[in-house]
Amino acid sequence: MAITAAMVKELRDSTGAGMMDAKKALTENDGNIEAAVDWLRTKGLAKAAKKSGRTAAEGLVAVAVSGGKGVAVEVNSETDFVAKNADFQKMVAGIAQTALGVSDVDALKAADMGGKSVEQTVTDAVAVIGENMSVRRMAAIEGGTVVNYVHNAAADGMGNIGVLVAMTGDNEAFGRQVAMHIAAMPPIGMTEDDVDPAVRAREKAVFVGQAQEAGKSEAGVESWSEKQVAKFIKESTLMNQKFVIDNKKTVAQAAKEAGVAITGYIRLAVGEGIEKVEEDFAAEVAKLGG
């Protein structure tokens, strides 16, 4: 029986298995979905699927630097207990090192790590540890010098927030300070030119609404909202922000004095953008009892 992409998708959606595993399961079972599910369960590849509906919003961000390239990788788990697990941390460190050799998260998942793919390594870890996990994001940066900083480090090179800063010059101590600044004051871009027009429009709409609520005239609404947008962008773009190490200077001024030019940055924080399902302890216990 011909195995179609739709069949593979259906099996993946129902089991959480990887694409190649789902295709193989269907091939081995002549396209029979139920038999393919059982095949995956038999192989231990569907254990992760039972847990795939649970939100994996904890975990670690790991950073790795080699020469003029740096990478940051987010690997999620369901609880912060797993983030403290030595085996999980060892796996995350290996994934970060593997990321140095690829360009994006899809290539990372398919990359070899100790004889099997990163995706398969994570699936195997789910079966052992018993929590849903995933390699969620990866970002890479290159520059003359790349420095890193990890906030709330759980182990060497990994923690809740990972930052990479690329720059010209070899003042790594200053680069580390800039990375700390970025961790504390997340910018929305390097300069005004880097701000997404959608972000600018959204902020403008908010300020227009505030001005209208305050009863300003039509001309007053436009003038005030434009000033507020300009202020927001100035306070939110890296080179214009007041440097947390010395708030009498902007980051741009501090970089000039340090003899470096910042050429780029990456900031990843665990779980950002993931909608967490909050549930109180009593409700959890009640569920177990039911």
Protein backbone atom coordinates (compact mmCIF):
# COMPACT_ATOMS: atom_id res chain seq x y z
CA MET A 1 0.00 0.00 0.00
CA ALA A 2 1.31 3.47 -0.87
CA ILE A 3 2.15 5.52 2.21
CA THR A 4 0.96 9.10 1.77
CA ALA A 5 2.12 12.26 3.53
CA ALA A 6 -1.39 12.62 5.00
CA MET A 7 -1.12 9.17 6.61
CA VAL A 8 2.27 10.01 8.09
CA LYS A 9 0.90 13.28 9.46
CA GLU A 10 -2.11 11.53 11.02
CA LEU A 11 0.13 9.02 12.77
CA ARG A 12 2.53 11.71 13.95
CA ASP A 13 -0.34 13.80 15.31
CA SER A 14 -1.81 10.85 17.21
CA THR A 15 1.44 9.49 18.62
CA GLY A 16 3.99 12.32 18.60
CA ALA A 17 6.47 10.04 16.82
CA GLY A 18 9.11 11.46 14.52
CA MET A 19 8.42 11.64 10.80
CA MET A 20 10.80 8.84 9.80
CA ASP A 21 9.56 6.60 12.62
CA ALA A 22 5.94 7.21 11.62
CA LYS A 23 6.69 6.42 7.97
CA LYS A 24 8.55 3.25 8.90
CA ALA A 25 5.71 2.13 11.19
CA LEU A 26 3.20 2.56 8.37
CA THR A 27 5.45 0.77 5.88
CA GLU A 28 5.96 -2.15 8.24
CA ASN A 29 2.19 -2.45 8.75
CA ASP A 30 0.89 -1.92 5.19
CA GLY A 31 -0.58 1.48 6.02
CA ASN A 32 -2.74 0.25 8.91
CA ILE A 33 -2.83 3.18 11.35
CA GLU A 34 -3.85 1.18 14.42
CA ALA A 35 -1.23 -1.47 13.77
CA ALA A 36 1.35 1.27 13.20
CA VAL A 37 0.48 2.81 16.58
CA ASP A 38 1.00 -0.55 18.26
CA TRP A 39 4.27 -1.00 16.36
CA LEU A 40 5.50 2.36 17.68
CA ARG A 41 4.42 1.45 21.20
CA THR A 42 6.22 -1.86 20.92
CA LYS A 43 9.39 -0.07 19.86
CA GLY A 44 9.04 2.38 22.75
CA LEU A 45 8.58 5.25 20.30
CA ALA A 46 5.08 6.17 21.41
CA LYS A 47 5.81 6.56 25.10
CA ALA A 48 6.71 10.15 24.41
CA ALA A 49 3.45 10.56 22.57
CA LYS A 50 1.36 9.87 25.66
CA LYS A 51 3.09 12.83 27.26
CA SER A 52 3.24 15.07 24.21
CA GLY A 53 0.06 16.89 25.17
CA ARG A 54 1.64 18.16 28.36
CA THR A 55 3.22 21.59 28.19
CA ALA A 56 7.00 21.52 28.15
CA ALA A 57 7.74 25.09 29.23
CA GLU A 58 10.64 24.52 31.61
CA GLY A 59 14.11 23.31 30.72
CA LEU A 60 17.40 24.97 29.85
CA VAL A 61 19.03 27.29 27.37
CA ALA A 62 22.58 26.19 26.57
CA VAL A 63 25.25 28.22 24.81
CA ALA A 64 28.40 27.10 23.04
CA VAL A 65 31.14 29.12 21.32
CA SER A 66 33.85 27.96 18.96
CA GLY A 67 36.11 30.47 17.26
CA GLY A 68 33.95 33.19 15.80
CA LYS A 69 30.66 31.27 16.01
CA GLY A 70 28.24 30.97 18.90
CA VAL A 71 25.00 29.05 19.28
CA ALA A 72 22.16 29.09 21.78
CA VAL A 73 19.75 26.18 22.07
CA GLU A 74 16.54 25.84 24.09
CA VAL A 75 15.63 22.34 25.23
CA ASN A 76 12.32 22.16 27.07
CA SER A 77 11.02 19.85 29.76
CA GLU A 78 7.80 19.83 31.77
CA THR A 79 9.32 20.61 35.17
CA ASP A 80 12.33 22.44 36.51
CA PHE A 81 13.25 19.26 38.42
CA VAL A 82 14.32 17.69 35.15
CA ALA A 83 16.38 20.80 34.35
CA LYS A 84 18.41 19.97 37.46
CA ASN A 85 18.90 16.36 36.39
CA ALA A 86 22.56 15.61 35.55
CA ASP A 87 21.65 13.30 32.66
CA PHE A 88 19.37 15.95 31.14
CA GLN A 89 22.09 18.58 31.51
CA LYS A 90 24.64 16.28 29.86
CA MET A 91 22.26 15.75 26.94
CA VAL A 92 21.61 19.48 26.58
CA ALA A 93 25.34 20.22 26.60
CA GLY A 94 25.83 17.65 23.83
CA ILE A 95 23.02 19.18 21.79
CA ALA A 96 24.59 22.64 22.11
CA GLN A 97 27.95 21.33 20.91
CA THR A 98 26.24 19.58 18.01
CA ALA A 99 24.49 22.84 17.10
CA LEU A 100 27.86 24.43 16.30
CA GLY A 101 27.94 22.32 13.14
CA VAL A 102 24.46 23.12 11.78
CA SER A 103 22.51 26.16 10.66
CA ASP A 104 18.97 25.75 12.03
CA VAL A 105 16.84 23.76 14.45
CA ASP A 106 15.56 21.27 11.86
CA ALA A 107 19.12 20.42 10.85
CA LEU A 108 20.00 20.15 14.53
CA LYS A 109 17.24 17.62 15.21
CA ALA A 110 18.46 15.50 12.31
CA ALA A 111 22.16 15.84 13.20
CA ASP A 112 24.15 12.91 14.52
CA MET A 113 24.98 12.92 18.21
CA GLY A 114 26.79 9.84 19.45
CA GLY A 115 25.49 7.53 16.74
CA LYS A 116 21.85 8.64 16.58
CA SER A 117 20.00 11.80 15.72
CA VAL A 118 19.43 14.54 18.27
CA GLU A 119 15.66 14.01 17.89
CA GLN A 120 16.00 10.29 18.62
CA THR A 121 18.27 11.04 21.59
CA VAL A 122 15.58 13.30 23.07
CA THR A 123 12.86 10.71 22.39
CA ASP A 124 14.91 8.07 24.19
CA ALA A 125 15.40 10.45 27.13
CA VAL A 126 11.63 10.99 27.34
CA ALA A 127 11.15 7.25 27.68
CA VAL A 128 13.72 7.08 30.50
CA ILE A 129 12.93 10.27 32.42
CA GLY A 130 9.17 10.17 31.82
CA GLU A 131 8.56 13.79 30.87
CA ASN A 132 7.80 15.43 27.57
CA MET A 133 10.89 17.17 26.18
CA SER A 134 11.71 18.95 22.96
CA VAL A 135 14.44 20.86 21.18
CA ARG A 136 12.44 24.01 20.65
CA ARG A 137 14.77 26.65 19.24
CA MET A 138 18.27 27.30 18.07
CA ALA A 139 19.99 30.53 17.07
CA ALA A 140 23.50 31.10 15.75
CA ILE A 141 25.70 34.15 15.42
CA GLU A 142 29.14 34.89 14.01
CA GLY A 143 31.60 37.70 14.57
CA GLY A 144 35.20 38.67 15.16
CA THR A 145 34.67 37.87 18.83
CA VAL A 146 31.66 36.06 20.31
CA VAL A 147 31.10 36.05 24.06
CA ASN A 148 28.36 34.42 26.08
CA TYR A 149 26.53 34.83 29.35
CA VAL A 150 24.11 32.49 31.09
CA HIS A 151 21.70 33.77 33.75
CA ASN A 152 20.71 31.53 36.67
CA ALA A 153 23.21 28.90 35.57
CA ALA A 154 22.17 25.34 36.37
CA ALA A 155 25.49 24.01 35.08
CA ASP A 156 28.39 25.27 33.00
CA GLY A 157 27.06 27.00 29.88
CA MET A 158 23.35 26.51 30.59
CA GLY A 159 20.63 28.23 32.56
CA ASN A 160 17.33 30.12 32.31
CA ILE A 161 18.59 32.77 29.89
CA GLY A 162 21.37 32.47 27.35
CA VAL A 163 22.93 35.47 25.62
CA LEU A 164 25.54 35.71 22.87
CA VAL A 165 27.18 38.95 21.77
CA ALA A 166 29.19 39.31 18.55
CA MET A 167 31.62 42.20 18.26
CA THR A 168 34.80 43.47 16.72
CA GLY A 169 37.79 43.81 19.05
CA ASP A 170 38.89 41.43 21.77
CA ASN A 171 37.53 43.09 24.91
CA GLU A 172 35.73 39.99 26.18
CA ALA A 173 35.18 41.47 29.64
CA PHE A 174 33.16 44.31 28.13
CA GLY A 175 31.33 41.89 25.84
CA ARG A 176 30.31 39.90 28.89
CA GLN A 177 28.94 43.06 30.50
CA VAL A 178 26.88 43.77 27.39
CA ALA A 179 25.58 40.20 27.46
CA MET A 180 24.54 40.68 31.09
CA HIS A 181 22.82 43.92 30.11
CA ILE A 182 20.88 42.11 27.37
CA ALA A 183 19.82 39.41 29.83
CA ALA A 184 18.50 42.05 32.24
CA MET A 185 17.05 44.53 29.72
CA PRO A 186 15.85 42.51 26.72
CA PRO A 187 16.07 44.76 23.66
CA ILE A 188 13.73 44.54 20.69
CA GLY A 189 16.53 45.28 18.22
CA MET A 190 20.03 46.72 17.88
CA THR A 191 18.88 50.14 16.60
CA GLU A 192 15.70 51.90 15.53
CA ASP A 193 16.14 50.48 12.03
CA ASP A 194 15.89 46.92 13.37
CA VAL A 195 12.49 47.35 15.01
CA ASP A 196 9.77 45.27 13.38
CA PRO A 197 7.18 47.62 11.81
CA ALA A 198 4.45 45.45 13.38
CA VAL A 199 5.88 46.17 16.85
CA ARG A 200 5.99 49.89 16.08
CA ALA A 201 2.38 49.82 14.83
CA ARG A 202 1.16 47.90 17.87
CA GLU A 203 2.78 50.36 20.29
CA LYS A 204 1.41 53.30 18.29
CA ALA A 205 -2.11 51.86 18.53
CA VAL A 206 -1.79 51.51 22.32
CA PHE A 207 -0.57 55.09 22.76
CA VAL A 208 -3.27 56.43 20.44
CA GLY A 209 -5.87 54.68 22.56
CA GLN A 210 -4.39 56.14 25.75
CA ALA A 211 -4.41 59.64 24.27
CA GLN A 212 -8.01 59.28 23.13
CA GLU A 213 -9.04 58.03 26.56
CA ALA A 214 -7.38 61.11 28.04
CA GLY A 215 -9.55 63.32 25.81
CA LYS A 216 -6.75 64.81 23.71
CA SER A 217 -7.60 66.56 20.45
CA GLU A 218 -7.00 64.76 17.15
CA ALA A 219 -3.77 66.67 16.60
CA GLY A 220 -2.78 66.10 20.20
CA VAL A 221 -3.40 62.36 19.89
CA GLU A 222 -1.06 62.10 16.90
CA SER A 223 1.68 64.27 18.37
CA TRP A 224 1.66 62.62 21.81
CA SER A 225 1.48 59.06 20.50
CA GLU A 226 4.40 59.66 18.09
CA LYS A 227 6.53 61.00 20.95
CA GLN A 228 5.67 57.97 23.10
CA VAL A 229 6.56 55.55 20.31
CA ALA A 230 9.90 57.30 19.83
CA LYS A 231 10.55 57.10 23.56
CA PHE A 232 9.60 53.41 23.67
CA ILE A 233 11.94 52.56 20.78
CA LYS A 234 14.79 54.54 22.31
CA GLU A 235 14.40 52.71 25.61
CA SER A 236 14.01 49.32 23.94
CA THR A 237 16.82 49.23 21.35
CA LEU A 238 20.19 48.00 22.54
CA MET A 239 22.47 50.77 21.34
CA ASN A 240 20.17 53.47 22.75
CA GLN A 241 19.54 51.85 26.13
CA LYS A 242 21.21 53.14 29.26
CA PHE A 243 24.02 50.71 30.07
CA VAL A 244 23.16 48.81 33.25
CA ILE A 245 26.81 48.83 34.34
CA ASP A 246 26.96 52.64 34.07
CA ASN A 247 23.61 54.29 33.45
CA LYS A 248 25.23 57.63 32.66
CA LYS A 249 26.13 56.16 29.25
CA THR A 250 24.24 54.43 26.50
CA VAL A 251 25.42 51.01 25.36
CA ALA A 252 26.68 52.65 22.16
CA GLN A 253 28.76 55.16 24.12
CA ALA A 254 30.15 52.47 26.41
CA ALA A 255 31.09 50.31 23.40
CA LYS A 256 32.93 53.22 21.76
CA GLU A 257 34.89 53.86 24.95
CA ALA A 258 35.73 50.15 25.21
CA GLY A 259 37.09 50.18 21.68
CA VAL A 260 34.63 47.65 20.25
CA ALA A 261 31.71 47.60 17.83
CA ILE A 262 28.77 45.36 18.69
CA THR A 263 27.67 43.60 15.51
CA GLY A 264 24.87 41.38 16.76
CA TYR A 265 23.33 39.53 19.68
CA ILE A 266 21.10 36.60 20.57
CA ARG A 267 18.95 36.25 23.67
CA LEU A 268 16.93 33.12 24.44
CA ALA A 269 14.94 32.63 27.64
CA VAL A 270 13.41 29.33 28.67
CA GLY A 271 9.72 29.08 27.89
CA GLU A 272 9.22 32.56 26.46
CA GLY A 273 6.18 32.57 24.21
CA ILE A 274 4.87 29.24 25.51
CA GLU A 275 1.45 29.38 27.10
CA LYS A 276 1.74 27.55 30.38
CA VAL A 277 -1.27 25.79 31.83
CA GLU A 278 -1.41 26.79 35.47
CA GLU A 279 -3.12 24.35 37.80
CA ASP A 280 -3.21 24.43 41.57
CA PHE A 281 -1.99 21.50 43.60
CA ALA A 282 -5.45 20.59 44.95
CA ALA A 283 -6.83 20.33 41.41
CA GLU A 284 -3.90 18.10 40.42
CA VAL A 285 -4.52 15.77 43.36
CA ALA A 286 -8.25 15.70 42.58
CA LYS A 287 -7.44 14.63 39.02
CA LEU A 288 -5.28 11.80 40.25
CA GLY A 289 -8.04 10.65 42.56
CA GLY A 290 -10.57 10.65 39.72
